[in-house]
């Protein structure tokens, strides 16, 4: 039971991280109706950037991490303006193929710049673990949980009360109406990609501190996709809930596998079983908006 409780706590912490990345998926989809298959590479670029600042320039983490977030914010804006803005008005499938191309390009570029082997972060915390309710939890996971909760609260405030957030919600609801109200749709697109890149960098740095930075980090973006589908592609709250469910489910699958099945890979494949079941039963997700088309 102690092992099960430990895995459940880890699942909730990792699930919160999944929820943050899932919100990045949803943010881009709500603004532009694009599924960004390069989301995992945003994590990878953010992690490598922070690692490079901490190791090459010997910056302390509390300086290197904010610089990384600022860089990813600018990176997201530039990427949207240079690569994706010319695709406005093109078929959605063409834009999705562009994001897949970006994923392959960034993967290759990171391998060329930093190599193919995992590289550890320098020690950040005085103690690598801390006690939470009598359980030993990685300190960086506790930090990530606190940051994830702050990001979720920030998203809620941003979309409900800020002028920019309300403009982004209007753009997601109807682009033509938003333009008629004087909202710059192009600016909203750029802002959605910028926020998505910055938030993904938080998850990338967190996972990189625990497991080291390598190209395998980009797979995190694919693992989050079941959480997005589970919650609904256009629901921020659903993305958070889906992330928590997938995080707990992964660890429960690991517990069942280690205790009884001994298959060895349930931790990796359990979220995709959920993805298949959800698509069969509730294809719009738990909170997704149903699109009704009359033919």
Protein backbone atom coordinates (compact mmCIF):
# COMPACT_ATOMS: atom_id res chain seq x y z
CA UNK A 1 0.00 0.00 0.00
CA UNK A 2 2.92 2.32 0.67
CA UNK A 3 4.17 1.73 -2.88
CA UNK A 4 0.67 2.34 -4.28
CA UNK A 5 0.31 5.60 -2.34
CA UNK A 6 3.78 6.68 -3.49
CA UNK A 7 2.86 6.00 -7.11
CA UNK A 8 -0.45 7.87 -6.75
CA UNK A 9 1.34 10.94 -5.37
CA UNK A 10 3.89 10.76 -8.19
CA UNK A 11 1.03 10.35 -10.67
CA UNK A 12 -0.71 13.50 -9.44
CA UNK A 13 2.53 15.50 -9.59
CA UNK A 14 3.44 14.28 -13.08
CA UNK A 15 -0.21 14.62 -14.11
CA UNK A 16 -0.14 18.29 -13.17
CA UNK A 17 2.85 18.65 -15.50
CA UNK A 18 0.93 16.81 -18.23
CA UNK A 19 -1.96 19.21 -17.64
CA UNK A 20 0.28 22.23 -18.16
CA UNK A 21 1.60 20.90 -21.49
CA UNK A 22 -1.93 19.86 -22.50
CA UNK A 23 -3.08 23.45 -21.89
CA UNK A 24 -0.42 24.52 -24.39
CA UNK A 25 -1.92 22.16 -26.96
CA UNK A 26 -5.39 23.53 -26.27
CA UNK A 27 -4.23 27.15 -26.36
CA UNK A 28 -2.93 26.84 -29.91
CA UNK A 29 -5.91 24.77 -31.04
CA UNK A 30 -8.46 27.19 -29.62
CA UNK A 31 -6.77 30.17 -31.26
CA UNK A 32 -6.00 28.72 -34.68
CA UNK A 33 -7.62 25.26 -34.94
CA UNK A 34 -4.16 23.74 -35.39
CA UNK A 35 -2.92 20.62 -33.62
CA UNK A 36 0.75 21.34 -32.97
CA UNK A 37 2.73 18.12 -33.39
CA UNK A 38 5.94 20.01 -32.57
CA UNK A 39 4.83 20.55 -28.96
CA UNK A 40 7.31 17.99 -27.66
CA UNK A 41 10.14 19.81 -29.37
CA UNK A 42 9.21 22.98 -27.46
CA UNK A 43 9.97 21.02 -24.29
CA UNK A 44 13.25 19.82 -25.80
CA UNK A 45 14.40 23.27 -26.93
CA UNK A 46 13.51 24.82 -23.58
CA UNK A 47 15.39 22.10 -21.66
CA UNK A 48 18.51 22.35 -23.84
CA UNK A 49 18.49 26.16 -23.61
CA UNK A 50 18.35 26.10 -19.81
CA UNK A 51 21.00 23.34 -19.67
CA UNK A 52 23.31 25.38 -21.93
CA UNK A 53 22.91 28.52 -19.83
CA UNK A 54 23.63 26.62 -16.60
CA UNK A 55 26.60 24.61 -17.89
CA UNK A 56 28.24 26.81 -20.53
CA UNK A 57 27.68 30.21 -18.92
CA UNK A 58 27.65 28.89 -15.32
CA UNK A 59 24.51 30.85 -14.50
CA UNK A 60 22.60 29.96 -11.34
CA UNK A 61 19.26 28.27 -11.92
CA UNK A 62 17.21 31.21 -10.62
CA UNK A 63 18.74 33.37 -13.38
CA UNK A 64 19.02 30.81 -16.19
CA UNK A 65 15.44 29.60 -15.84
CA UNK A 66 13.75 33.02 -16.34
CA UNK A 67 16.09 33.72 -19.28
CA UNK A 68 14.99 30.42 -20.80
CA UNK A 69 11.32 31.37 -20.45
CA UNK A 70 11.96 34.78 -22.04
CA UNK A 71 13.84 33.14 -24.92
CA UNK A 72 11.01 30.64 -25.52
CA UNK A 73 8.46 33.48 -25.50
CA UNK A 74 10.39 35.25 -28.27
CA UNK A 75 11.01 31.94 -30.05
CA UNK A 76 7.27 31.21 -30.19
CA UNK A 77 6.48 34.64 -31.64
CA UNK A 78 9.21 34.40 -34.30
CA UNK A 79 8.19 30.86 -35.25
CA UNK A 80 4.58 31.88 -35.74
CA UNK A 81 5.45 34.99 -37.77
CA UNK A 82 8.09 33.41 -40.01
CA UNK A 83 6.73 29.90 -40.56
CA UNK A 84 3.05 29.72 -39.67
CA UNK A 85 1.66 33.15 -40.50
CA UNK A 86 2.18 32.60 -44.27
CA UNK A 87 0.04 29.45 -43.88
CA UNK A 88 -3.06 31.41 -42.79
CA UNK A 89 -5.91 30.53 -45.14
CA UNK A 90 -4.31 27.26 -46.26
CA UNK A 91 -6.01 23.89 -45.62
CA UNK A 92 -5.65 22.70 -42.03
CA UNK A 93 -3.94 19.49 -43.12
CA UNK A 94 -1.20 21.56 -44.77
CA UNK A 95 -0.56 23.47 -41.56
CA UNK A 96 -0.49 20.24 -39.54
CA UNK A 97 2.08 18.82 -41.96
CA UNK A 98 4.16 21.96 -41.39
CA UNK A 99 4.14 21.30 -37.63
CA UNK A 100 5.25 17.71 -38.26
CA UNK A 101 8.07 19.06 -40.45
CA UNK A 102 9.05 21.48 -37.69
CA UNK A 103 9.14 18.58 -35.25
CA UNK A 104 11.56 16.61 -37.43
CA UNK A 105 13.69 19.71 -38.13
CA UNK A 106 14.02 20.70 -34.47
CA UNK A 107 14.82 17.12 -33.48
CA UNK A 108 17.63 16.96 -36.01
CA UNK A 109 18.93 20.42 -35.09
CA UNK A 110 19.08 19.64 -31.36
CA UNK A 111 20.94 16.38 -32.04
CA UNK A 112 23.40 18.25 -34.26
CA UNK A 113 23.98 20.99 -31.68
CA UNK A 114 24.07 18.96 -28.46
CA UNK A 115 24.60 15.33 -29.48
CA UNK A 116 22.44 12.27 -29.07
CA UNK A 117 23.36 11.25 -25.51
CA UNK A 118 21.48 12.35 -22.40
CA UNK A 119 23.24 15.06 -20.42
CA UNK A 120 22.44 15.73 -16.76
CA UNK A 121 21.60 19.11 -15.31
CA UNK A 122 24.02 20.45 -12.72
CA UNK A 123 22.79 20.08 -9.11
CA UNK A 124 20.06 22.65 -8.50
CA UNK A 125 18.71 21.85 -5.04
CA UNK A 126 20.66 21.17 -1.88
CA UNK A 127 18.68 17.96 -1.34
CA UNK A 128 17.46 15.90 -4.34
CA UNK A 129 14.46 14.57 -2.40
CA UNK A 130 12.14 15.82 0.32
CA UNK A 131 9.56 14.22 2.58
CA UNK A 132 5.88 14.81 1.74
CA UNK A 133 3.42 13.11 4.11
CA UNK A 134 6.11 10.61 4.99
CA UNK A 135 6.96 9.84 1.35
CA UNK A 136 10.21 10.63 -0.41
CA UNK A 137 9.49 12.84 -3.44
CA UNK A 138 11.94 14.44 -5.87
CA UNK A 139 12.42 18.08 -4.91
CA UNK A 140 12.13 19.15 -8.55
CA UNK A 141 8.72 17.44 -8.75
CA UNK A 142 7.51 19.45 -5.77
CA UNK A 143 8.82 22.58 -7.49
CA UNK A 144 7.09 21.56 -10.73
CA UNK A 145 3.80 20.99 -8.88
CA UNK A 146 3.98 24.48 -7.36
CA UNK A 147 4.83 26.04 -10.74
CA UNK A 148 2.10 24.01 -12.48
CA UNK A 149 -0.51 25.22 -10.00
CA UNK A 150 0.67 28.81 -10.48
CA UNK A 151 0.46 28.44 -14.26
CA UNK A 152 -3.04 26.97 -14.04
CA UNK A 153 -4.18 29.80 -11.77
CA UNK A 154 -2.46 32.28 -14.10
CA UNK A 155 -4.26 30.82 -17.11
CA UNK A 156 -7.60 31.12 -15.31
CA UNK A 157 -7.00 34.75 -14.40
CA UNK A 158 -5.53 35.59 -17.82
CA UNK A 159 -8.49 34.28 -19.82
CA UNK A 160 -11.15 35.61 -17.45
CA UNK A 161 -9.93 39.08 -16.53
CA UNK A 162 -7.06 40.31 -18.73
CA UNK A 163 -7.69 42.29 -21.92
CA UNK A 164 -5.37 40.05 -23.95
CA UNK A 165 -6.97 36.89 -22.59
CA UNK A 166 -10.48 38.07 -23.44
CA UNK A 167 -9.28 38.97 -26.94
CA UNK A 168 -7.82 35.48 -27.36
CA UNK A 169 -11.11 33.92 -26.23
CA UNK A 170 -12.99 36.07 -28.73
CA UNK A 171 -10.58 35.03 -31.49
CA UNK A 172 -11.04 31.36 -30.61
CA UNK A 173 -14.84 31.77 -30.68
CA UNK A 174 -15.09 33.55 -34.04
CA UNK A 175 -12.18 35.13 -35.90
CA UNK A 176 -14.32 37.29 -38.18
CA UNK A 177 -16.33 38.74 -35.29
CA UNK A 178 -13.10 39.35 -33.36
CA UNK A 179 -11.65 41.27 -36.32
CA UNK A 180 -14.80 43.36 -36.61
CA UNK A 181 -14.30 44.37 -32.97
CA UNK A 182 -10.79 45.62 -33.71
CA UNK A 183 -8.87 42.59 -32.40
CA UNK A 184 -5.72 41.68 -34.31
CA UNK A 185 -6.16 37.98 -35.07
CA UNK A 186 -2.54 37.68 -36.22
CA UNK A 187 -1.36 39.12 -32.93
CA UNK A 188 -3.51 36.62 -31.03
CA UNK A 189 -2.05 33.74 -33.06
CA UNK A 190 1.49 34.88 -32.28
CA UNK A 191 0.68 35.29 -28.59
CA UNK A 192 -0.83 31.81 -28.36
CA UNK A 193 2.31 30.23 -29.82
CA UNK A 194 4.53 32.32 -27.55
CA UNK A 195 2.68 31.33 -24.38
CA UNK A 196 2.56 27.71 -25.50
CA UNK A 197 6.34 27.61 -26.10
CA UNK A 198 7.10 29.27 -22.78
CA UNK A 199 4.83 27.00 -20.73
CA UNK A 200 6.20 23.90 -22.48
CA UNK A 201 9.72 24.99 -21.54
CA UNK A 202 8.73 24.77 -17.86
CA UNK A 203 7.80 21.11 -18.32
CA UNK A 204 10.91 20.46 -20.39
CA UNK A 205 13.26 21.86 -17.74
CA UNK A 206 11.49 19.91 -14.98
CA UNK A 207 11.69 16.58 -16.78
CA UNK A 208 15.25 17.36 -17.88
CA UNK A 209 16.38 17.98 -14.30
CA UNK A 210 15.04 14.55 -13.27
CA UNK A 211 15.99 12.40 -16.27
CA UNK A 212 18.65 14.43 -18.08
CA UNK A 213 18.20 16.20 -21.41
CA UNK A 214 18.08 14.15 -24.60
CA UNK A 215 16.00 13.82 -27.75
CA UNK A 216 13.75 11.36 -25.88
CA UNK A 217 12.31 14.37 -24.05
CA UNK A 218 10.28 15.32 -27.13
CA UNK A 219 8.26 12.10 -26.72
CA UNK A 220 6.67 13.82 -23.73
CA UNK A 221 4.60 15.87 -26.17
CA UNK A 222 3.17 12.70 -27.72
CA UNK A 223 2.43 11.22 -24.29
CA UNK A 224 0.41 14.33 -23.44
CA UNK A 225 -1.81 13.93 -26.51
CA UNK A 226 -4.09 11.32 -24.85
CA UNK A 227 -4.66 13.82 -22.02
CA UNK A 228 -5.70 16.47 -24.55
CA UNK A 229 -8.13 14.11 -26.30
CA UNK A 230 -9.49 12.87 -22.96
CA UNK A 231 -10.29 16.38 -21.73
CA UNK A 232 -11.35 17.81 -25.09
CA UNK A 233 -9.25 19.62 -27.68
CA UNK A 234 -10.85 22.99 -26.97
CA UNK A 235 -11.21 22.80 -23.17
CA UNK A 236 -8.51 24.23 -20.89
CA UNK A 237 -10.14 22.73 -17.79
CA UNK A 238 -10.45 19.42 -19.60
CA UNK A 239 -6.75 19.52 -20.44
CA UNK A 240 -5.86 19.87 -16.76
CA UNK A 241 -8.22 17.07 -15.71
CA UNK A 242 -7.04 14.86 -18.57
CA UNK A 243 -3.42 15.40 -17.55
CA UNK A 244 -4.15 14.42 -13.95
CA UNK A 245 -6.08 11.31 -15.03
CA UNK A 246 -3.33 10.18 -17.41
CA UNK A 247 -0.62 10.80 -14.81
CA UNK A 248 -2.43 8.71 -12.18
CA UNK A 249 -3.35 6.05 -14.74
CA UNK A 250 0.27 5.66 -15.83
CA UNK A 251 1.41 5.02 -12.29
CA UNK A 252 -1.50 2.67 -11.53
CA UNK A 253 -0.62 0.71 -14.66
CA UNK A 254 2.98 0.57 -13.47
CA UNK A 255 1.81 -0.76 -10.08
CA UNK A 256 -0.43 -3.45 -11.60
CA UNK A 257 2.29 -4.44 -14.05
CA UNK A 258 5.01 -4.69 -11.40
CA UNK A 259 2.83 -6.62 -8.94
CA UNK A 260 0.95 -9.03 -11.19
CA UNK A 261 1.29 -8.76 -14.98
CA UNK A 262 5.05 -8.33 -15.39
CA UNK A 263 4.66 -7.21 -19.00
CA UNK A 264 7.20 -4.45 -18.55
CA UNK A 265 5.69 -1.70 -20.70
CA UNK A 266 2.27 -0.85 -19.26
CA UNK A 267 3.55 2.50 -17.98
CA UNK A 268 4.29 3.61 -21.54
CA UNK A 269 1.26 2.28 -23.39
CA UNK A 270 -1.58 2.75 -20.87
CA UNK A 271 -2.34 6.37 -21.97
CA UNK A 272 -2.73 5.28 -25.59
CA UNK A 273 -5.19 2.55 -24.64
CA UNK A 274 -7.19 5.33 -22.97
CA UNK A 275 -6.88 7.40 -26.17
CA UNK A 276 -8.37 4.58 -28.25
CA UNK A 277 -11.23 3.97 -25.81
CA UNK A 278 -12.09 7.67 -25.54
CA UNK A 279 -12.12 8.10 -29.32
CA UNK A 280 -14.50 5.13 -29.59
CA UNK A 281 -16.88 6.21 -26.80
CA UNK A 282 -16.63 10.00 -26.53
CA UNK A 283 -14.65 11.35 -29.50
CA UNK A 284 -15.00 15.00 -28.41
CA UNK A 285 -13.54 14.28 -24.96
CA UNK A 286 -15.04 14.92 -21.54
CA UNK A 287 -15.47 18.68 -22.02
CA UNK A 288 -14.91 19.17 -25.74
CA UNK A 289 -17.42 21.04 -27.89
CA UNK A 290 -19.44 18.87 -30.25
CA UNK A 291 -19.41 20.07 -33.84
CA UNK A 292 -22.68 19.40 -35.65
CA UNK A 293 -22.43 19.54 -39.43
CA UNK A 294 -25.48 19.35 -41.68
CA UNK A 295 -24.94 17.74 -45.05
